[in-house]
PDB file of all heavy atoms in Angstrom:
ATOM      1  N   ALA A   1      40.367-106.842 107.714  1.00  0.00           N
ATOM      2  CA  ALA A   1      39.399-105.963 108.384  1.00  0.00           C
ATOM      3  C   ALA A   1      39.101-106.471 109.793  1.00  0.00           C
ATOM      4  O   ALA A   1      39.019-105.682 110.741  1.00  0.00           O
ATOM      5  CB  ALA A   1      38.107-105.883 107.565  1.00  0.00           C
ATOM      6  N   ALA A   2      38.960-107.774 109.931  1.00  0.00           N
ATOM      7  CA  ALA A   2      38.711-108.364 111.258  1.00  0.00           C
ATOM      8  C   ALA A   2      39.919-108.143 112.178  1.00  0.00           C
ATOM      9  O   ALA A   2      39.748-107.840 113.370  1.00  0.00           O
ATOM     10  CB  ALA A   2      38.407-109.858 111.121  1.00  0.00           C
ATOM     11  N   LEU A   3      41.120-108.290 111.633  1.00  0.00           N
ATOM     12  CA  LEU A   3      42.322-108.099 112.457  1.00  0.00           C
ATOM     13  C   LEU A   3      42.516-106.635 112.859  1.00  0.00           C
ATOM     14  O   LEU A   3      42.976-106.331 113.958  1.00  0.00           O
ATOM     15  CB  LEU A   3      43.548-108.584 111.688  1.00  0.00           C
ATOM     16  CG  LEU A   3      43.627-110.117 111.502  1.00  0.00           C
ATOM     17  CD1 LEU A   3      44.848-110.497 110.647  1.00  0.00           C
ATOM     18  CD2 LEU A   3      43.701-110.833 112.853  1.00  0.00           C
ATOM     19  N   ILE A   4      42.142-105.715 111.959  1.00  0.00           N
ATOM     20  CA  ILE A   4      42.222-104.289 112.304  1.00  0.00           C
ATOM     21  C   ILE A   4      41.304-103.979 113.472  1.00  0.00           C
ATOM     22  O   ILE A   4      41.697-103.325 114.444  1.00  0.00           O
ATOM     23  CB  ILE A   4      41.859-103.399 111.104  1.00  0.00           C
ATOM     24  CG1 ILE A   4      42.919-103.527 110.013  1.00  0.00           C
ATOM     25  CG2 ILE A   4      41.751-101.947 111.527  1.00  0.00           C
ATOM     26  CD1 ILE A   4      42.522-102.810 108.716  1.00  0.00           C
ATOM     27  N   LEU A   5      40.063-104.460 113.407  1.00  0.00           N
ATOM     28  CA  LEU A   5      39.099-104.234 114.486  1.00  0.00           C
ATOM     29  C   LEU A   5      39.575-104.908 115.785  1.00  0.00           C
ATOM     30  O   LEU A   5      39.404-104.357 116.878  1.00  0.00           O
ATOM     31  CB  LEU A   5      37.731-104.743 114.072  1.00  0.00           C
ATOM     32  CG  LEU A   5      37.043-103.968 112.950  1.00  0.00           C
ATOM     33  CD1 LEU A   5      35.750-104.662 112.532  1.00  0.00           C
ATOM     34  CD2 LEU A   5      36.751-102.545 113.400  1.00  0.00           C
ATOM     35  N   PHE A   6      40.162-106.086 115.660  1.00  0.00           N
ATOM     36  CA  PHE A   6      40.675-106.782 116.834  1.00  0.00           C
ATOM     37  C   PHE A   6      41.793-105.952 117.492  1.00  0.00           C
ATOM     38  O   PHE A   6      41.844-105.818 118.730  1.00  0.00           O
ATOM     39  CB  PHE A   6      41.205-108.170 116.452  1.00  0.00           C
ATOM     40  CG  PHE A   6      41.833-108.919 117.599  1.00  0.00           C
ATOM     41  CD1 PHE A   6      41.039-109.532 118.551  1.00  0.00           C
ATOM     42  CD2 PHE A   6      43.213-109.016 117.704  1.00  0.00           C
ATOM     43  CE1 PHE A   6      41.610-110.231 119.594  1.00  0.00           C
ATOM     44  CE2 PHE A   6      43.794-109.700 118.748  1.00  0.00           C
ATOM     45  CZ  PHE A   6      42.981-110.315 119.700  1.00  0.00           C
ATOM     46  N   ALA A   7      42.671-105.396 116.673  1.00  0.00           N
ATOM     47  CA  ALA A   7      43.780-104.600 117.218  1.00  0.00           C
ATOM     48  C   ALA A   7      43.290-103.309 117.865  1.00  0.00           C
ATOM     49  O   ALA A   7      43.803-102.908 118.913  1.00  0.00           O
ATOM     50  CB  ALA A   7      44.786-104.265 116.100  1.00  0.00           C
ATOM     51  N   GLU A   8      42.283-102.671 117.266  1.00  0.00           N
ATOM     52  CA  GLU A   8      41.829-101.384 117.751  1.00  0.00           C
ATOM     53  C   GLU A   8      40.838-101.498 118.900  1.00  0.00           C
ATOM     54  O   GLU A   8      40.712-100.554 119.694  1.00  0.00           O
ATOM     55  CB  GLU A   8      41.209-100.569 116.609  1.00  0.00           C
ATOM     56  CG  GLU A   8      42.214-100.177 115.541  1.00  0.00           C
ATOM     57  CD  GLU A   8      41.604 -99.287 114.458  1.00  0.00           C
ATOM     58  OE1 GLU A   8      40.358 -99.189 114.412  1.00  0.00           O
ATOM     59  OE2 GLU A   8      42.367 -98.701 113.692  1.00  0.00           O
ATOM     60  N   VAL A   9      40.137-102.631 119.011  1.00  0.00           N
ATOM     61  CA  VAL A   9      39.118-102.765 120.066  1.00  0.00           C
ATOM     62  C   VAL A   9      39.647-103.598 121.222  1.00  0.00           C
ATOM     63  O   VAL A   9      39.453-103.222 122.395  1.00  0.00           O
ATOM     64  CB  VAL A   9      37.834-103.402 119.473  1.00  0.00           C
ATOM     65  CG1 VAL A   9      36.831-103.668 120.596  1.00  0.00           C
ATOM     66  CG2 VAL A   9      37.233-102.523 118.414  1.00  0.00           C
ATOM     67  N   VAL A  10      40.303-104.732 120.926  1.00  0.00           N
ATOM     68  CA  VAL A  10      40.710-105.649 121.985  1.00  0.00           C
ATOM     69  C   VAL A  10      42.134-105.364 122.483  1.00  0.00           C
ATOM     70  O   VAL A  10      42.359-105.183 123.675  1.00  0.00           O
ATOM     71  CB  VAL A  10      40.619-107.105 121.504  1.00  0.00           C
ATOM     72  CG1 VAL A  10      41.075-108.075 122.598  1.00  0.00           C
ATOM     73  CG2 VAL A  10      39.198-107.428 121.070  1.00  0.00           C
ATOM     74  N   ILE A  11      43.076-105.298 121.537  1.00  0.00           N
ATOM     75  CA  ILE A  11      44.465-105.131 121.944  1.00  0.00           C
ATOM     76  C   ILE A  11      44.684-103.795 122.634  1.00  0.00           C
ATOM     77  O   ILE A  11      45.514-103.676 123.539  1.00  0.00           O
ATOM     78  CB  ILE A  11      45.389-105.285 120.726  1.00  0.00           C
ATOM     79  CG1 ILE A  11      45.313-106.721 120.187  1.00  0.00           C
ATOM     80  CG2 ILE A  11      46.834-104.949 121.089  1.00  0.00           C
ATOM     81  CD1 ILE A  11      46.200-107.000 119.007  1.00  0.00           C
ATOM     82  N   CYS A  12      43.942-102.736 122.208  1.00  0.00           N
ATOM     83  CA  CYS A  12      44.137-101.416 122.827  1.00  0.00           C
ATOM     84  C   CYS A  12      43.776-101.453 124.295  1.00  0.00           C
ATOM     85  O   CYS A  12      44.377-100.754 125.128  1.00  0.00           O
ATOM     86  CB  CYS A  12      43.336-100.359 122.093  1.00  0.00           C
ATOM     87  SG  CYS A  12      41.557-100.441 122.391  1.00  0.00           S
ATOM     88  N   LYS A  13      42.768-102.284 124.683  1.00  0.00           N
ATOM     89  CA  LYS A  13      42.409-102.398 126.102  1.00  0.00           C
ATOM     90  C   LYS A  13      43.529-103.045 126.901  1.00  0.00           C
ATOM     91  O   LYS A  13      43.812-102.647 128.015  1.00  0.00           O
ATOM     92  CB  LYS A  13      41.106-103.195 126.230  1.00  0.00           C
ATOM     93  CG  LYS A  13      39.894-102.506 125.638  1.00  0.00           C
ATOM     94  CD  LYS A  13      38.654-103.346 125.841  1.00  0.00           C
ATOM     95  CE  LYS A  13      37.429-102.641 125.242  1.00  0.00           C
ATOM     96  NZ  LYS A  13      36.187-103.444 125.399  1.00  0.00           N
ATOM     97  N   ILE A  14      44.166-104.058 126.303  1.00  0.00           N
ATOM     98  CA  ILE A  14      45.314-104.688 126.967  1.00  0.00           C
ATOM     99  C   ILE A  14      46.441-103.684 127.106  1.00  0.00           C
ATOM    100  O   ILE A  14      47.119-103.646 128.149  1.00  0.00           O
ATOM    101  CB  ILE A  14      45.765-105.926 126.163  1.00  0.00           C
ATOM    102  CG1 ILE A  14      44.625-106.944 126.056  1.00  0.00           C
ATOM    103  CG2 ILE A  14      46.992-106.569 126.787  1.00  0.00           C
ATOM    104  CD1 ILE A  14      44.937-108.140 125.173  1.00  0.00           C
ATOM    105  N   GLU A  15      46.647-102.881 126.069  1.00  0.00           N
ATOM    106  CA  GLU A  15      47.716-101.878 126.122  1.00  0.00           C
ATOM    107  C   GLU A  15      47.480-100.859 127.219  1.00  0.00           C
ATOM    108  O   GLU A  15      48.377-100.490 127.966  1.00  0.00           O
ATOM    109  CB  GLU A  15      47.786-101.173 124.752  1.00  0.00           C
ATOM    110  CG  GLU A  15      48.891-100.114 124.697  1.00  0.00           C
ATOM    111  CD  GLU A  15      48.889 -99.404 123.355  1.00  0.00           C
ATOM    112  OE1 GLU A  15      47.977 -99.654 122.538  1.00  0.00           O
ATOM    113  OE2 GLU A  15      49.793 -98.568 123.130  1.00  0.00           O
ATOM    114  N   TYR A  16      46.221-100.388 127.331  1.00  0.00           N
ATOM    115  CA  TYR A  16      45.895 -99.407 128.357  1.00  0.00           C
ATOM    116  C   TYR A  16      46.079 -99.970 129.750  1.00  0.00           C
ATOM    117  O   TYR A  16      46.531 -99.270 130.668  1.00  0.00           O
ATOM    118  CB  TYR A  16      44.449 -98.919 128.182  1.00  0.00           C
ATOM    119  CG  TYR A  16      44.249 -98.057 126.970  1.00  0.00           C
ATOM    120  CD1 TYR A  16      43.006 -98.039 126.315  1.00  0.00           C
ATOM    121  CD2 TYR A  16      45.275 -97.290 126.447  1.00  0.00           C
ATOM    122  CE1 TYR A  16      42.815 -97.267 125.192  1.00  0.00           C
ATOM    123  CE2 TYR A  16      45.087 -96.531 125.317  1.00  0.00           C
ATOM    124  CZ  TYR A  16      43.855 -96.509 124.711  1.00  0.00           C
ATOM    125  OH  TYR A  16      43.681 -95.734 123.597  1.00  0.00           O
ATOM    126  N   ARG A  17      45.752-101.233 129.947  1.00  0.00           N
ATOM    127  CA  ARG A  17      45.945-101.853 131.262  1.00  0.00           C
ATOM    128  C   ARG A  17      47.416-101.967 131.614  1.00  0.00           C
ATOM    129  O   ARG A  17      47.816-101.764 132.749  1.00  0.00           O
ATOM    130  CB  ARG A  17      45.302-103.246 131.279  1.00  0.00           C
ATOM    131  CG  ARG A  17      43.769-103.217 131.280  1.00  0.00           C
ATOM    132  CD  ARG A  17      43.199-104.618 131.377  1.00  0.00           C
ATOM    133  NE  ARG A  17      41.733-104.573 131.367  1.00  0.00           N
ATOM    134  CZ  ARG A  17      40.965-105.673 131.403  1.00  0.00           C
ATOM    135  NH1 ARG A  17      41.541-106.892 131.442  1.00  0.00           N
ATOM    136  NH2 ARG A  17      39.656-105.555 131.412  1.00  0.00           N
ATOM    137  N   MET A  18      48.227-102.275 130.607  1.00  0.00           N
ATOM    138  CA  MET A  18      49.664-102.372 130.859  1.00  0.00           C
ATOM    139  C   MET A  18      50.228-100.984 131.212  1.00  0.00           C
ATOM    140  O   MET A  18      51.097-100.855 132.089  1.00  0.00           O
ATOM    141  CB  MET A  18      50.378-102.897 129.606  1.00  0.00           C
ATOM    142  CG  MET A  18      50.073-104.364 129.323  1.00  0.00           C
ATOM    143  SD  MET A  18      50.740-104.926 127.752  1.00  0.00           S
ATOM    144  CE  MET A  18      52.486-104.665 128.041  1.00  0.00           C
ATOM    145  N   LEU A  19      49.753 -99.956 130.539  1.00  0.00           N
ATOM    146  CA  LEU A  19      50.250 -98.603 130.805  1.00  0.00           C
ATOM    147  C   LEU A  19      49.782 -98.111 132.150  1.00  0.00           C
ATOM    148  O   LEU A  19      50.474 -97.287 132.806  1.00  0.00           O
ATOM    149  CB  LEU A  19      49.780 -97.637 129.708  1.00  0.00           C
ATOM    150  CG  LEU A  19      50.409 -97.840 128.336  1.00  0.00           C
ATOM    151  CD1 LEU A  19      49.792 -96.890 127.323  1.00  0.00           C
ATOM    152  CD2 LEU A  19      51.902 -97.637 128.383  1.00  0.00           C
ATOM    153  N   ASP A  20      48.623 -98.568 132.623  1.00  0.00           N
ATOM    154  CA  ASP A  20      48.108 -98.154 133.932  1.00  0.00           C
ATOM    155  C   ASP A  20      48.971 -98.708 135.063  1.00  0.00           C
ATOM    156  O   ASP A  20      49.116 -98.073 136.104  1.00  0.00           O
ATOM    157  CB  ASP A  20      46.662 -98.607 134.115  1.00  0.00           C
ATOM    158  CG  ASP A  20      45.695 -97.764 133.309  1.00  0.00           C
ATOM    159  OD1 ASP A  20      46.103 -96.637 132.931  1.00  0.00           O
ATOM    160  OD2 ASP A  20      44.578 -98.209 133.064  1.00  0.00           O
ATOM    161  N   LYS A  21      49.519 -99.913 134.846  1.00  0.00           N
ATOM    162  CA  LYS A  21      50.329-100.532 135.901  1.00  0.00           C
ATOM    163  C   LYS A  21      51.694 -99.890 136.031  1.00  0.00           C
ATOM    164  O   LYS A  21      52.168 -99.642 137.116  1.00  0.00           O
ATOM    165  CB  LYS A  21      50.486-102.033 135.599  1.00  0.00           C
ATOM    166  CG  LYS A  21      49.180-102.804 135.701  1.00  0.00           C
ATOM    167  CD  LYS A  21      49.399-104.280 135.437  1.00  0.00           C
ATOM    168  CE  LYS A  21      48.094-105.063 135.548  1.00  0.00           C
ATOM    169  NZ  LYS A  21      48.282-106.498 135.268  1.00  0.00           N
ATOM    170  N   THR A  22      52.310 -99.591 134.956  1.00  0.00           N
ATOM    171  CA  THR A  22      53.633 -98.947 135.006  1.00  0.00           C
ATOM    172  C   THR A  22      53.828 -98.108 133.760  1.00  0.00           C
ATOM    173  O   THR A  22      53.452 -98.494 132.659  1.00  0.00           O
ATOM    174  CB  THR A  22      54.732-100.006 135.130  1.00  0.00           C
ATOM    175  OG1 THR A  22      56.011 -99.349 135.113  1.00  0.00           O
ATOM    176  CG2 THR A  22      54.699-101.016 133.995  1.00  0.00           C
ATOM    177  N   GLN A  23      54.427 -96.959 133.960  1.00  0.00           N
ATOM    178  CA  GLN A  23      54.658 -96.062 132.819  1.00  0.00           C
ATOM    179  C   GLN A  23      55.832 -95.166 133.127  1.00  0.00           C
ATOM    180  O   GLN A  23      55.926 -94.605 134.212  1.00  0.00           O
ATOM    181  CB  GLN A  23      53.406 -95.223 132.549  1.00  0.00           C
ATOM    182  CG  GLN A  23      53.564 -94.296 131.356  1.00  0.00           C
ATOM    183  CD  GLN A  23      52.285 -93.575 131.022  1.00  0.00           C
ATOM    184  OE1 GLN A  23      51.271 -93.791 131.669  1.00  0.00           O
ATOM    185  NE2 GLN A  23      52.321 -92.691 130.073  1.00  0.00           N
ATOM    186  N   GLU A  24      56.705 -95.025 132.173  1.00  0.00           N
ATOM    187  CA  GLU A  24      57.863 -94.141 132.317  1.00  0.00           C
ATOM    188  C   GLU A  24      57.551 -92.823 131.598  1.00  0.00           C
ATOM    189  O   GLU A  24      56.934 -92.804 130.567  1.00  0.00           O
ATOM    190  CB  GLU A  24      59.118 -94.768 131.722  1.00  0.00           C
ATOM    191  CG  GLU A  24      59.595 -96.015 132.480  1.00  0.00           C
ATOM    192  CD  GLU A  24      60.875 -96.592 131.902  1.00  0.00           C
ATOM    193  OE1 GLU A  24      61.420 -95.959 130.983  1.00  0.00           O
ATOM    194  OE2 GLU A  24      61.283 -97.686 132.338  1.00  0.00           O
ATOM    195  N   MET A  25      57.986 -91.752 132.223  1.00  0.00           N
ATOM    196  CA  MET A  25      57.759 -90.444 131.656  1.00  0.00           C
ATOM    197  C   MET A  25      59.024 -89.593 131.734  1.00  0.00           C
ATOM    198  O   MET A  25      59.809 -89.735 132.679  1.00  0.00           O
ATOM    199  CB  MET A  25      56.611 -89.737 132.362  1.00  0.00           C
ATOM    200  CG  MET A  25      56.813 -89.520 133.834  1.00  0.00           C
ATOM    201  SD  MET A  25      55.392 -88.758 134.684  1.00  0.00           S
ATOM    202  CE  MET A  25      55.171 -87.253 133.760  1.00  0.00           C
ATOM    203  N   ASN A  26      59.228 -88.777 130.733  1.00  0.00           N
ATOM    204  CA  ASN A  26      60.341 -87.825 130.708  1.00  0.00           C
ATOM    205  C   ASN A  26      59.811 -86.437 131.025  1.00  0.00           C
ATOM    206  O   ASN A  26      58.904 -85.964 130.352  1.00  0.00           O
ATOM    207  CB  ASN A  26      61.041 -87.835 129.339  1.00  0.00           C
ATOM    208  CG  ASN A  26      61.623 -89.202 129.000  1.00  0.00           C
ATOM    209  OD1 ASN A  26      62.269 -89.821 129.816  1.00  0.00           O
ATOM    210  ND2 ASN A  26      61.362 -89.665 127.798  1.00  0.00           N
ATOM    211  N   VAL A  27      60.389 -85.807 132.003  1.00  0.00           N
ATOM    212  CA  VAL A  27      59.910 -84.517 132.467  1.00  0.00           C
ATOM    213  C   VAL A  27      61.055 -83.500 132.433  1.00  0.00           C
ATOM    214  O   VAL A  27      62.130 -83.750 132.978  1.00  0.00           O
ATOM    215  CB  VAL A  27      59.327 -84.588 133.903  1.00  0.00           C
ATOM    216  CG1 VAL A  27      58.818 -83.219 134.329  1.00  0.00           C
ATOM    217  CG2 VAL A  27      58.203 -85.606 133.957  1.00  0.00           C
ATOM    218  N   PHE A  28      60.793 -82.374 131.783  1.00  0.00           N
ATOM    219  CA  PHE A  28      61.727 -81.239 131.781  1.00  0.00           C
ATOM    220  C   PHE A  28      61.235 -80.230 132.807  1.00  0.00           C
ATOM    221  O   PHE A  28      60.073 -79.865 132.821  1.00  0.00           O
ATOM    222  CB  PHE A  28      61.859 -80.605 130.417  1.00  0.00           C
ATOM    223  CG  PHE A  28      62.634 -79.316 130.406  1.00  0.00           C
ATOM    224  CD1 PHE A  28      64.013 -79.336 130.391  1.00  0.00           C
ATOM    225  CD2 PHE A  28      61.958 -78.095 130.418  1.00  0.00           C
ATOM    226  CE1 PHE A  28      64.729 -78.158 130.407  1.00  0.00           C
ATOM    227  CE2 PHE A  28      62.687 -76.909 130.433  1.00  0.00           C
ATOM    228  CZ  PHE A  28      64.070 -76.936 130.422  1.00  0.00           C
ATOM    229  N   MET A  29      62.159 -79.765 133.651  1.00  0.00           N
ATOM    230  CA  MET A  29      61.792 -78.814 134.689  1.00  0.00           C
ATOM    231  C   MET A  29      62.836 -77.694 134.771  1.00  0.00           C
ATOM    232  O   MET A  29      64.030 -77.978 134.846  1.00  0.00           O
ATOM    233  CB  MET A  29      61.655 -79.510 136.026  1.00  0.00           C
ATOM    234  CG  MET A  29      61.241 -78.597 137.168  1.00  0.00           C
ATOM    235  SD  MET A  29      61.005 -79.507 138.724  1.00  0.00           S
ATOM    236  CE  MET A  29      60.392 -78.188 139.770  1.00  0.00           C
ATOM    237  N   GLU A  30      62.337 -76.485 134.742  1.00  0.00           N
ATOM    238  CA  GLU A  30      63.201 -75.328 134.992  1.00  0.00           C
ATOM    239  C   GLU A  30      62.828 -74.777 136.369  1.00  0.00           C
ATOM    240  O   GLU A  30      61.641 -74.504 136.646  1.00  0.00           O
ATOM    241  CB  GLU A  30      62.972 -74.251 133.918  1.00  0.00           C
ATOM    242  CG  GLU A  30      63.918 -73.061 134.038  1.00  0.00           C
ATOM    243  CD  GLU A  30      63.681 -72.029 132.951  1.00  0.00           C
ATOM    244  OE1 GLU A  30      62.934 -72.341 132.009  1.00  0.00           O
ATOM    245  OE2 GLU A  30      64.221 -70.920 133.065  1.00  0.00           O
ATOM    246  N   TYR A  31      63.811 -74.649 137.237  1.00  0.00           N
ATOM    247  CA  TYR A  31      63.537 -74.285 138.613  1.00  0.00           C
ATOM    248  C   TYR A  31      64.562 -73.277 139.132  1.00  0.00           C
ATOM    249  O   TYR A  31      65.612 -73.042 138.489  1.00  0.00           O
ATOM    250  CB  TYR A  31      63.524 -75.522 139.511  1.00  0.00           C
ATOM    251  CG  TYR A  31      64.855 -76.226 139.605  1.00  0.00           C
ATOM    252  CD1 TYR A  31      65.741 -75.949 140.636  1.00  0.00           C
ATOM    253  CD2 TYR A  31      65.227 -77.167 138.652  1.00  0.00           C
ATOM    254  CE1 TYR A  31      66.978 -76.595 140.703  1.00  0.00           C
ATOM    255  CE2 TYR A  31      66.431 -77.794 138.701  1.00  0.00           C
ATOM    256  CZ  TYR A  31      67.316 -77.521 139.733  1.00  0.00           C
ATOM    257  OH  TYR A  31      68.533 -78.135 139.796  1.00  0.00           O
ATOM    258  N   ASN A  32      64.289 -72.716 140.294  1.00  0.00           N
ATOM    259  CA  ASN A  32      65.152 -71.716 140.888  1.00  0.00           C
ATOM    260  C   ASN A  32      65.475 -72.138 142.318  1.00  0.00           C
ATOM    261  O   ASN A  32      64.590 -72.244 143.162  1.00  0.00           O
ATOM    262  CB  ASN A  32      64.442 -70.334 140.907  1.00  0.00           C
ATOM    263  CG  ASN A  32      65.396 -69.229 141.258  1.00  0.00           C
ATOM    264  OD1 ASN A  32      66.503 -69.454 141.733  1.00  0.00           O
ATOM    265  ND2 ASN A  32      64.979 -67.988 141.040  1.00  0.00           N
ATOM    266  N   GLY A  33      66.735 -72.419 142.575  1.00  0.00           N
ATOM    267  CA  GLY A  33      67.184 -72.768 143.924  1.00  0.00           C
ATOM    268  C   GLY A  33      67.256 -74.257 144.146  1.00  0.00           C
ATOM    269  O   GLY A  33      66.455 -75.035 143.624  1.00  0.00           O
ATOM    270  N   ASN A  34      68.225 -74.653 144.998  1.00  0.00           N
ATOM    271  CA  ASN A  34      68.410 -76.070 145.303  1.00  0.00           C
ATOM    272  C   ASN A  34      67.272 -76.619 146.183  1.00  0.00           C
ATOM    273  O   ASN A  34      67.058 -77.837 146.208  1.00  0.00           O
ATOM    274  CB  ASN A  34      69.761 -76.288 146.007  1.00  0.00           C
ATOM    275  CG  ASN A  34      70.942 -75.976 145.079  1.00  0.00           C
ATOM    276  OD1 ASN A  34      70.823 -76.194 143.862  1.00  0.00           O
ATOM    277  ND2 ASN A  34      72.025 -75.489 145.637  1.00  0.00           N
ATOM    278  N   GLU A  35      66.598 -75.741 146.903  1.00  0.00           N
ATOM    279  CA  GLU A  35      65.517 -76.194 147.751  1.00  0.00           C
ATOM    280  C   GLU A  35      64.387 -76.809 146.929  1.00  0.00           C
ATOM    281  O   GLU A  35      63.766 -77.791 147.363  1.00  0.00           O
ATOM    282  CB  GLU A  35      64.982 -75.018 148.589  1.00  0.00           C
ATOM    283  CG  GLU A  35      63.883 -75.421 149.579  1.00  0.00           C
ATOM    284  CD  GLU A  35      63.347 -74.234 150.355  1.00  0.00           C
ATOM    285  OE1 GLU A  35      63.911 -73.140 150.213  1.00  0.00           O
ATOM    286  OE2 GLU A  35      62.385 -74.421 151.119  1.00  0.00           O
ATOM    287  N   CYS A  36      64.153 -76.220 145.770  1.00  0.00           N
ATOM    288  CA  CYS A  36      63.090 -76.762 144.900  1.00  0.00           C
ATOM    289  C   CYS A  36      63.442 -78.160 144.452  1.00  0.00           C
ATOM    290  O   CYS A  36      62.573 -79.059 144.452  1.00  0.00           O
ATOM    291  CB  CYS A  36      62.913 -75.843 143.684  1.00  0.00           C
ATOM    292  SG  CYS A  36      61.635 -76.428 142.538  1.00  0.00           S
TER     293      CYS A  36
END
């Protein structure tokens, strides 16, 4: 129970900070024309 709370309260903050610094994303785009 203590480890669950540690993971959900403490480790999640570390995770969010890591994601704020760098994050990869996959984006699908449908477009018209090479200018876009």
